[in-house]
Amino acid sequence: MEAFAEFIAESFRSGTELNWNSKTATYVTATFPIKSGLVEVSFEWQERDGAWHASFDTIRGEMTDRTIIAQAFRILNGLFQAVGEFLETHSPKTIVFSSKDDDLMSVYDSYLRRERAFFAEFGYVVEGPQQRGAEMEFTLRRVLPSWWRP
């Protein structure tokens, strides 16, 4: 699976139209269409750790195994595009990526390692992975002021 994760991360470049919605001050979503429905990327601020938690899910539409495989690049590229735009527009102190699924964590790991230079431009470092209960987590942590740009 690691080779597939590397391939996805190396293929990352998305130009999809994201539809942003600030549902509350602590919950922001970006949605984008895929052939079989809609993908929603969520950023939720959680008071317990003071971090924004990123997640995604498919909504509206049924996804067969074949459809999931065909849409994997579009889904993950849209997810990572949303993360980049969220960093640029919200300048959060932290964003956490967590999952119980080893394959998804491998994709996160490949993407976050490959994009370290991009994150550094916005003042972020990648931390992890760390075990948190049954889940593994990666954290993007802002180490420079939000107004700082190279």
Foldseek 3Di string as FASTA:
>chain_A
DLVVLLVLLVPADDDFDWDWDCPDPFKIWTKGDDPFAIKIWIWGQDPVVRATEIDMDGDHGDADPVNCVVCVSVRVNVSVVVVLVCCLPPVGQKYKYKDLDPVVVSNVVSNCVVCQVVLVQQQWHKDDQDDDPSMTMIMTGRPDDRVDGD
